[in-house]
Amino acid sequence: MTDDTLSQATLRRLLVDCRRIAVVGLSSNPTRPSYRVAAYMQQQGKVVVPVNPRETVVLGEPAYPTLSAVPGPVDVVNIFRRSEEAGPVVDEAIRIKAKAVWLQEGVIDDAAAERARRAGLEVVMDRCWLKEHCRFPSFS
């Protein structure tokens, strides 16, 4: 189920105000959607923090094996993992006190989203960050 209740104001605030984005599942392969979306985020002035145990550097940034290994605060945890792998990532986002979790298009875990909301995190589910960013005319 997609999150159709997400207000446009909330979505816009997340896209504009959140500066440091941990991208879980970010690949160094430029043909992967995670790479393209994260590169776009960087072009928009966001600080991208790669989280992938199989990578060392992605888009010029050091990669971390887990969210817990990321130094400093994280505004948004952007999840590029299969739906069945999203729950543990959301739980880790709650533990590190991220402000929001963003489950990319096709990534759906209603139970994890509910846990995040109960913990006070904003939740975007089954939406592409890049597509949503491009929908707002003042961004592009």
N, C-alpha and C. Protein backbone atom coordinates (compact mmCIF):
# COMPACT_ATOMS: atom_id res chain seq x y z
N MET A 1 0.84 -1.17 0.00
CA MET A 1 0.00 0.00 0.00
C MET A 1 0.89 1.24 0.00
N THR A 2 0.58 2.20 -0.84
CA THR A 2 1.36 3.44 -0.87
C THR A 2 0.81 4.38 0.18
N ASP A 3 1.59 5.36 0.53
CA ASP A 3 1.18 6.31 1.54
C ASP A 3 0.52 7.51 0.86
N ASP A 4 -0.78 7.37 0.57
CA ASP A 4 -1.52 8.43 -0.10
C ASP A 4 -1.90 9.56 0.85
N THR A 5 -1.72 9.34 2.16
CA THR A 5 -2.09 10.35 3.13
C THR A 5 -0.98 11.38 3.34
N LEU A 6 0.17 11.15 2.76
CA LEU A 6 1.30 12.06 2.92
C LEU A 6 0.95 13.41 2.29
N SER A 7 0.99 14.45 3.08
CA SER A 7 0.64 15.77 2.56
C SER A 7 1.75 16.30 1.66
N GLN A 8 1.34 17.10 0.70
CA GLN A 8 2.31 17.72 -0.20
C GLN A 8 3.25 18.64 0.59
N ALA A 9 2.75 19.27 1.63
CA ALA A 9 3.59 20.16 2.45
C ALA A 9 4.68 19.35 3.16
N THR A 10 4.31 18.18 3.69
CA THR A 10 5.29 17.33 4.37
C THR A 10 6.32 16.83 3.38
N LEU A 11 5.86 16.38 2.23
CA LEU A 11 6.76 15.89 1.20
C LEU A 11 7.74 16.98 0.78
N ARG A 12 7.22 18.15 0.53
CA ARG A 12 8.07 19.28 0.11
C ARG A 12 9.09 19.62 1.20
N ARG A 13 8.65 19.62 2.46
CA ARG A 13 9.55 19.94 3.57
C ARG A 13 10.70 18.93 3.64
N LEU A 14 10.39 17.65 3.47
CA LEU A 14 11.44 16.63 3.49
C LEU A 14 12.42 16.83 2.34
N LEU A 15 11.89 17.13 1.17
CA LEU A 15 12.74 17.31 -0.01
C LEU A 15 13.63 18.55 0.12
N VAL A 16 13.12 19.59 0.75
CA VAL A 16 13.86 20.86 0.85
C VAL A 16 14.76 20.90 2.08
N ASP A 17 14.19 20.60 3.24
CA ASP A 17 14.90 20.84 4.50
C ASP A 17 15.92 19.77 4.89
N CYS A 18 15.71 18.55 4.47
CA CYS A 18 16.63 17.48 4.86
C CYS A 18 17.88 17.55 3.99
N ARG A 19 19.01 17.72 4.65
CA ARG A 19 20.28 17.94 3.94
C ARG A 19 21.15 16.69 3.87
N ARG A 20 21.18 15.90 4.93
CA ARG A 20 22.09 14.74 5.01
C ARG A 20 21.28 13.46 4.88
N ILE A 21 21.50 12.76 3.78
CA ILE A 21 20.68 11.60 3.44
C ILE A 21 21.55 10.35 3.36
N ALA A 22 21.26 9.39 4.23
CA ALA A 22 21.94 8.10 4.18
C ALA A 22 21.19 7.24 3.19
N VAL A 23 21.88 6.76 2.16
CA VAL A 23 21.25 5.95 1.12
C VAL A 23 21.68 4.50 1.33
N VAL A 24 20.75 3.70 1.85
CA VAL A 24 21.03 2.30 2.16
C VAL A 24 20.83 1.47 0.89
N GLY A 25 21.89 0.77 0.51
CA GLY A 25 21.86 -0.02 -0.71
C GLY A 25 22.44 0.73 -1.90
N LEU A 26 23.11 1.86 -1.63
CA LEU A 26 23.70 2.65 -2.71
C LEU A 26 24.84 1.87 -3.36
N SER A 27 24.76 1.76 -4.67
CA SER A 27 25.75 1.02 -5.45
C SER A 27 26.65 1.98 -6.20
N SER A 28 27.89 1.55 -6.45
CA SER A 28 28.81 2.36 -7.26
C SER A 28 28.59 2.13 -8.76
N ASN A 29 27.66 1.28 -9.11
CA ASN A 29 27.35 0.99 -10.51
C ASN A 29 26.43 2.09 -11.05
N PRO A 30 26.90 2.89 -12.00
CA PRO A 30 26.11 4.02 -12.49
C PRO A 30 24.82 3.63 -13.22
N THR A 31 24.65 2.35 -13.53
CA THR A 31 23.41 1.94 -14.19
C THR A 31 22.31 1.59 -13.18
N ARG A 32 22.65 1.53 -11.90
CA ARG A 32 21.67 1.18 -10.87
C ARG A 32 20.84 2.41 -10.49
N PRO A 33 19.55 2.21 -10.22
CA PRO A 33 18.70 3.34 -9.81
C PRO A 33 19.23 4.07 -8.57
N SER A 34 19.78 3.32 -7.61
CA SER A 34 20.29 3.97 -6.39
C SER A 34 21.38 4.98 -6.73
N TYR A 35 22.25 4.63 -7.66
CA TYR A 35 23.34 5.53 -8.06
C TYR A 35 22.77 6.79 -8.72
N ARG A 36 21.83 6.59 -9.65
CA ARG A 36 21.26 7.73 -10.38
C ARG A 36 20.53 8.68 -9.44
N VAL A 37 19.73 8.13 -8.53
CA VAL A 37 18.98 8.97 -7.60
C VAL A 37 19.94 9.71 -6.66
N ALA A 38 20.93 9.01 -6.13
CA ALA A 38 21.89 9.64 -5.21
C ALA A 38 22.72 10.71 -5.91
N ALA A 39 23.10 10.46 -7.16
CA ALA A 39 23.84 11.48 -7.92
C ALA A 39 22.98 12.73 -8.10
N TYR A 40 21.70 12.53 -8.37
CA TYR A 40 20.78 13.66 -8.49
C TYR A 40 20.69 14.41 -7.17
N MET A 41 20.60 13.67 -6.06
CA MET A 41 20.55 14.31 -4.73
C MET A 41 21.77 15.21 -4.54
N GLN A 42 22.95 14.68 -4.88
CA GLN A 42 24.17 15.48 -4.75
C GLN A 42 24.09 16.74 -5.61
N GLN A 43 23.58 16.61 -6.83
CA GLN A 43 23.45 17.77 -7.72
C GLN A 43 22.52 18.83 -7.12
N GLN A 44 21.61 18.39 -6.26
CA GLN A 44 20.67 19.31 -5.62
C GLN A 44 21.24 19.87 -4.30
N GLY A 45 22.49 19.56 -4.01
CA GLY A 45 23.13 20.11 -2.82
C GLY A 45 22.99 19.27 -1.57
N LYS A 46 22.47 18.06 -1.70
CA LYS A 46 22.33 17.18 -0.54
C LYS A 46 23.66 16.48 -0.24
N VAL A 47 23.87 16.16 1.01
CA VAL A 47 25.03 15.36 1.41
C VAL A 47 24.57 13.91 1.41
N VAL A 48 25.14 13.12 0.52
CA VAL A 48 24.77 11.71 0.39
C VAL A 48 25.77 10.87 1.17
N VAL A 49 25.25 10.01 2.03
CA VAL A 49 26.07 9.10 2.82
C VAL A 49 25.76 7.68 2.36
N PRO A 50 26.67 7.05 1.61
CA PRO A 50 26.43 5.69 1.14
C PRO A 50 26.47 4.67 2.28
N VAL A 51 25.49 3.77 2.30
CA VAL A 51 25.47 2.69 3.29
C VAL A 51 25.34 1.39 2.51
N ASN A 52 26.47 0.68 2.43
CA ASN A 52 26.51 -0.59 1.71
C ASN A 52 27.79 -1.31 2.13
N PRO A 53 27.67 -2.49 2.73
CA PRO A 53 28.87 -3.20 3.20
C PRO A 53 29.79 -3.66 2.07
N ARG A 54 29.30 -3.64 0.83
CA ARG A 54 30.12 -4.09 -0.30
C ARG A 54 30.84 -2.95 -1.00
N GLU A 55 30.67 -1.75 -0.53
CA GLU A 55 31.29 -0.58 -1.17
C GLU A 55 32.25 0.10 -0.20
N THR A 56 33.24 0.83 -0.76
CA THR A 56 34.15 1.62 0.08
C THR A 56 33.95 3.11 -0.18
N VAL A 57 33.75 3.48 -1.44
CA VAL A 57 33.51 4.87 -1.82
C VAL A 57 32.47 4.87 -2.94
N VAL A 58 31.46 5.73 -2.81
CA VAL A 58 30.46 5.89 -3.86
C VAL A 58 30.22 7.38 -4.03
N LEU A 59 30.25 7.83 -5.27
CA LEU A 59 30.03 9.25 -5.58
C LEU A 59 30.98 10.16 -4.80
N GLY A 60 32.19 9.66 -4.58
CA GLY A 60 33.20 10.44 -3.89
C GLY A 60 33.06 10.49 -2.38
N GLU A 61 32.09 9.75 -1.84
CA GLU A 61 31.85 9.74 -0.39
C GLU A 61 32.20 8.37 0.19
N PRO A 62 32.77 8.34 1.40
CA PRO A 62 33.07 7.04 2.02
C PRO A 62 31.77 6.28 2.31
N ALA A 63 31.80 4.98 2.06
CA ALA A 63 30.63 4.14 2.33
C ALA A 63 30.78 3.49 3.71
N TYR A 64 29.64 3.27 4.35
CA TYR A 64 29.60 2.65 5.67
C TYR A 64 28.84 1.34 5.57
N PRO A 65 29.22 0.35 6.38
CA PRO A 65 28.57 -0.96 6.28
C PRO A 65 27.14 -0.98 6.82
N THR A 66 26.86 -0.10 7.79
CA THR A 66 25.53 -0.05 8.42
C THR A 66 25.20 1.40 8.76
N LEU A 67 23.94 1.66 9.03
CA LEU A 67 23.54 3.00 9.48
C LEU A 67 24.21 3.36 10.81
N SER A 68 24.33 2.38 11.69
CA SER A 68 24.94 2.64 13.00
C SER A 68 26.39 3.07 12.89
N ALA A 69 27.06 2.72 11.79
CA ALA A 69 28.46 3.10 11.59
C ALA A 69 28.61 4.52 11.04
N VAL A 70 27.52 5.12 10.61
CA VAL A 70 27.58 6.47 10.03
C VAL A 70 27.82 7.49 11.15
N PRO A 71 28.89 8.29 11.03
CA PRO A 71 29.14 9.30 12.06
C PRO A 71 28.19 10.49 11.90
N GLY A 72 27.76 11.02 13.00
CA GLY A 72 26.93 12.22 12.97
C GLY A 72 25.48 11.94 12.65
N PRO A 73 24.67 13.01 12.72
CA PRO A 73 23.23 12.85 12.52
C PRO A 73 22.86 12.62 11.05
N VAL A 74 21.72 11.97 10.87
CA VAL A 74 21.16 11.70 9.54
C VAL A 74 19.76 12.27 9.51
N ASP A 75 19.46 13.05 8.49
CA ASP A 75 18.10 13.60 8.36
C ASP A 75 17.14 12.55 7.81
N VAL A 76 17.51 11.94 6.69
CA VAL A 76 16.65 10.97 6.03
C VAL A 76 17.44 9.70 5.74
N VAL A 77 16.82 8.56 5.98
CA VAL A 77 17.36 7.28 5.56
C VAL A 77 16.56 6.86 4.34
N ASN A 78 17.22 6.85 3.19
CA ASN A 78 16.60 6.49 1.93
C ASN A 78 16.94 5.03 1.66
N ILE A 79 15.90 4.19 1.48
CA ILE A 79 16.10 2.74 1.45
C ILE A 79 15.92 2.19 0.04
N PHE A 80 17.03 1.67 -0.50
CA PHE A 80 17.05 0.97 -1.78
C PHE A 80 17.32 -0.51 -1.50
N ARG A 81 16.41 -1.17 -0.84
CA ARG A 81 16.51 -2.60 -0.54
C ARG A 81 15.18 -3.23 -0.89
N ARG A 82 15.16 -4.55 -1.03
CA ARG A 82 13.89 -5.23 -1.27
C ARG A 82 12.97 -5.02 -0.08
N SER A 83 11.68 -5.07 -0.34
CA SER A 83 10.69 -4.83 0.72
C SER A 83 10.92 -5.70 1.94
N GLU A 84 11.27 -6.97 1.74
CA GLU A 84 11.45 -7.87 2.87
C GLU A 84 12.71 -7.54 3.68
N GLU A 85 13.58 -6.69 3.16
CA GLU A 85 14.78 -6.27 3.89
C GLU A 85 14.65 -4.87 4.49
N ALA A 86 13.53 -4.22 4.26
CA ALA A 86 13.37 -2.84 4.71
C ALA A 86 13.17 -2.72 6.22
N GLY A 87 12.48 -3.68 6.83
CA GLY A 87 12.16 -3.59 8.26
C GLY A 87 13.37 -3.39 9.16
N PRO A 88 14.40 -4.23 9.04
CA PRO A 88 15.58 -4.02 9.88
C PRO A 88 16.27 -2.67 9.64
N VAL A 89 16.22 -2.17 8.41
CA VAL A 89 16.81 -0.87 8.12
C VAL A 89 16.00 0.23 8.81
N VAL A 90 14.69 0.12 8.75
CA VAL A 90 13.83 1.09 9.43
C VAL A 90 14.10 1.06 10.94
N ASP A 91 14.23 -0.13 11.50
CA ASP A 91 14.51 -0.25 12.94
C ASP A 91 15.84 0.42 13.29
N GLU A 92 16.83 0.25 12.42
CA GLU A 92 18.12 0.90 12.67
C GLU A 92 18.00 2.42 12.53
N ALA A 93 17.18 2.88 11.59
CA ALA A 93 16.94 4.33 11.44
C ALA A 93 16.32 4.90 12.71
N ILE A 94 15.43 4.14 13.31
CA ILE A 94 14.82 4.57 14.58
C ILE A 94 15.90 4.65 15.66
N ARG A 95 16.76 3.64 15.73
CA ARG A 95 17.82 3.61 16.75
C ARG A 95 18.79 4.78 16.62
N ILE A 96 19.13 5.17 15.38
CA ILE A 96 20.09 6.27 15.22
C ILE A 96 19.41 7.65 15.28
N LYS A 97 18.08 7.63 15.48
CA LYS A 97 17.31 8.87 15.62
C LYS A 97 17.29 9.71 14.35
N ALA A 98 17.15 9.04 13.20
CA ALA A 98 16.95 9.76 11.94
C ALA A 98 15.62 10.51 12.04
N LYS A 99 15.48 11.55 11.25
CA LYS A 99 14.23 12.32 11.26
C LYS A 99 13.16 11.66 10.40
N ALA A 100 13.59 10.93 9.37
CA ALA A 100 12.63 10.35 8.43
C ALA A 100 13.22 9.12 7.76
N VAL A 101 12.31 8.26 7.27
CA VAL A 101 12.71 7.15 6.41
C VAL A 101 11.95 7.31 5.10
N TRP A 102 12.66 7.03 4.02
CA TRP A 102 12.08 7.13 2.68
C TRP A 102 12.30 5.78 2.01
N LEU A 103 11.23 5.02 1.84
CA LEU A 103 11.30 3.73 1.17
C LEU A 103 11.03 3.99 -0.31
N GLN A 104 12.02 3.72 -1.12
CA GLN A 104 11.96 4.03 -2.54
C GLN A 104 10.79 3.32 -3.23
N GLU A 105 10.53 3.74 -4.43
CA GLU A 105 9.46 3.16 -5.24
C GLU A 105 9.60 1.64 -5.29
N GLY A 106 8.53 0.95 -4.99
CA GLY A 106 8.54 -0.51 -4.98
C GLY A 106 8.93 -1.12 -3.65
N VAL A 107 9.38 -0.30 -2.70
CA VAL A 107 9.77 -0.80 -1.38
C VAL A 107 8.61 -0.50 -0.43
N ILE A 108 7.95 -1.58 0.02
CA ILE A 108 6.75 -1.44 0.84
C ILE A 108 6.85 -2.35 2.05
N ASP A 109 6.73 -1.78 3.23
CA ASP A 109 6.67 -2.54 4.47
C ASP A 109 5.81 -1.74 5.44
N ASP A 110 4.52 -2.05 5.45
CA ASP A 110 3.57 -1.29 6.27
C ASP A 110 3.89 -1.38 7.76
N ALA A 111 4.28 -2.56 8.23
CA ALA A 111 4.58 -2.73 9.65
C ALA A 111 5.79 -1.88 10.05
N ALA A 112 6.82 -1.87 9.23
CA ALA A 112 8.01 -1.06 9.53
C ALA A 112 7.66 0.43 9.49
N ALA A 113 6.84 0.82 8.52
CA ALA A 113 6.43 2.23 8.43
C ALA A 113 5.67 2.64 9.68
N GLU A 114 4.82 1.76 10.18
CA GLU A 114 4.06 2.07 11.40
C GLU A 114 5.00 2.18 12.60
N ARG A 115 5.99 1.31 12.69
CA ARG A 115 6.97 1.41 13.79
C ARG A 115 7.70 2.75 13.73
N ALA A 116 8.08 3.16 12.54
CA ALA A 116 8.78 4.44 12.39
C ALA A 116 7.89 5.60 12.81
N ARG A 117 6.64 5.58 12.37
CA ARG A 117 5.71 6.66 12.76
C ARG A 117 5.53 6.72 14.27
N ARG A 118 5.36 5.55 14.88
CA ARG A 118 5.20 5.51 16.34
C ARG A 118 6.43 6.06 17.05
N ALA A 119 7.59 5.92 16.43
CA ALA A 119 8.84 6.43 17.01
C ALA A 119 9.06 7.91 16.69
N GLY A 120 8.13 8.51 15.94
CA GLY A 120 8.23 9.94 15.65
C GLY A 120 8.91 10.31 14.35
N LEU A 121 9.20 9.32 13.51
CA LEU A 121 9.84 9.61 12.22
C LEU A 121 8.79 9.90 11.16
N GLU A 122 9.13 10.77 10.24
CA GLU A 122 8.31 10.96 9.04
C GLU A 122 8.55 9.74 8.16
N VAL A 123 7.54 9.33 7.40
CA VAL A 123 7.66 8.14 6.56
C VAL A 123 7.13 8.45 5.16
N VAL A 124 7.96 8.13 4.18
CA VAL A 124 7.55 8.15 2.78
C VAL A 124 7.78 6.73 2.28
N MET A 125 6.75 6.17 1.63
CA MET A 125 6.88 4.78 1.19
C MET A 125 6.40 4.63 -0.25
N ASP A 126 7.15 3.81 -1.00
CA ASP A 126 6.80 3.48 -2.38
C ASP A 126 6.79 4.72 -3.27
N ARG A 127 7.76 5.59 -3.06
CA ARG A 127 7.91 6.78 -3.89
C ARG A 127 9.39 6.99 -4.21
N CYS A 128 9.65 7.50 -5.39
CA CYS A 128 11.01 7.78 -5.82
C CYS A 128 11.37 9.22 -5.45
N TRP A 129 12.47 9.38 -4.73
CA TRP A 129 12.92 10.72 -4.31
C TRP A 129 13.10 11.63 -5.53
N LEU A 130 13.77 11.13 -6.56
CA LEU A 130 14.04 11.94 -7.75
C LEU A 130 12.74 12.36 -8.43
N LYS A 131 11.82 11.42 -8.64
CA LYS A 131 10.54 11.75 -9.29
C LYS A 131 9.76 12.76 -8.47
N GLU A 132 9.73 12.57 -7.15
CA GLU A 132 8.99 13.51 -6.29
C GLU A 132 9.64 14.89 -6.34
N HIS A 133 10.95 14.94 -6.32
CA HIS A 133 11.65 16.22 -6.39
C HIS A 133 11.33 16.94 -7.69
N CYS A 134 11.30 16.20 -8.78
CA CYS A 134 11.02 16.79 -10.10
C CYS A 134 9.57 17.25 -10.25
N ARG A 135 8.66 16.72 -9.44
CA ARG A 135 7.25 17.11 -9.52
C ARG A 135 7.01 18.55 -9.07
N PHE A 136 7.90 19.07 -8.26
CA PHE A 136 7.73 20.43 -7.75
C PHE A 136 8.45 21.40 -8.69
N PRO A 137 7.72 22.27 -9.39
CA PRO A 137 8.33 23.14 -10.41
C PRO A 137 9.44 24.04 -9.87
N SER A 138 9.34 24.47 -8.62
CA SER A 138 10.37 25.39 -8.11
C SER A 138 11.69 24.69 -7.84
N PHE A 139 11.71 23.34 -7.86
CA PHE A 139 12.94 22.60 -7.65
C PHE A 139 13.75 22.46 -8.91
N SER A 140 13.05 22.26 -10.06
CA SER A 140 13.79 21.93 -11.27
C SER A 140 14.06 23.12 -12.14
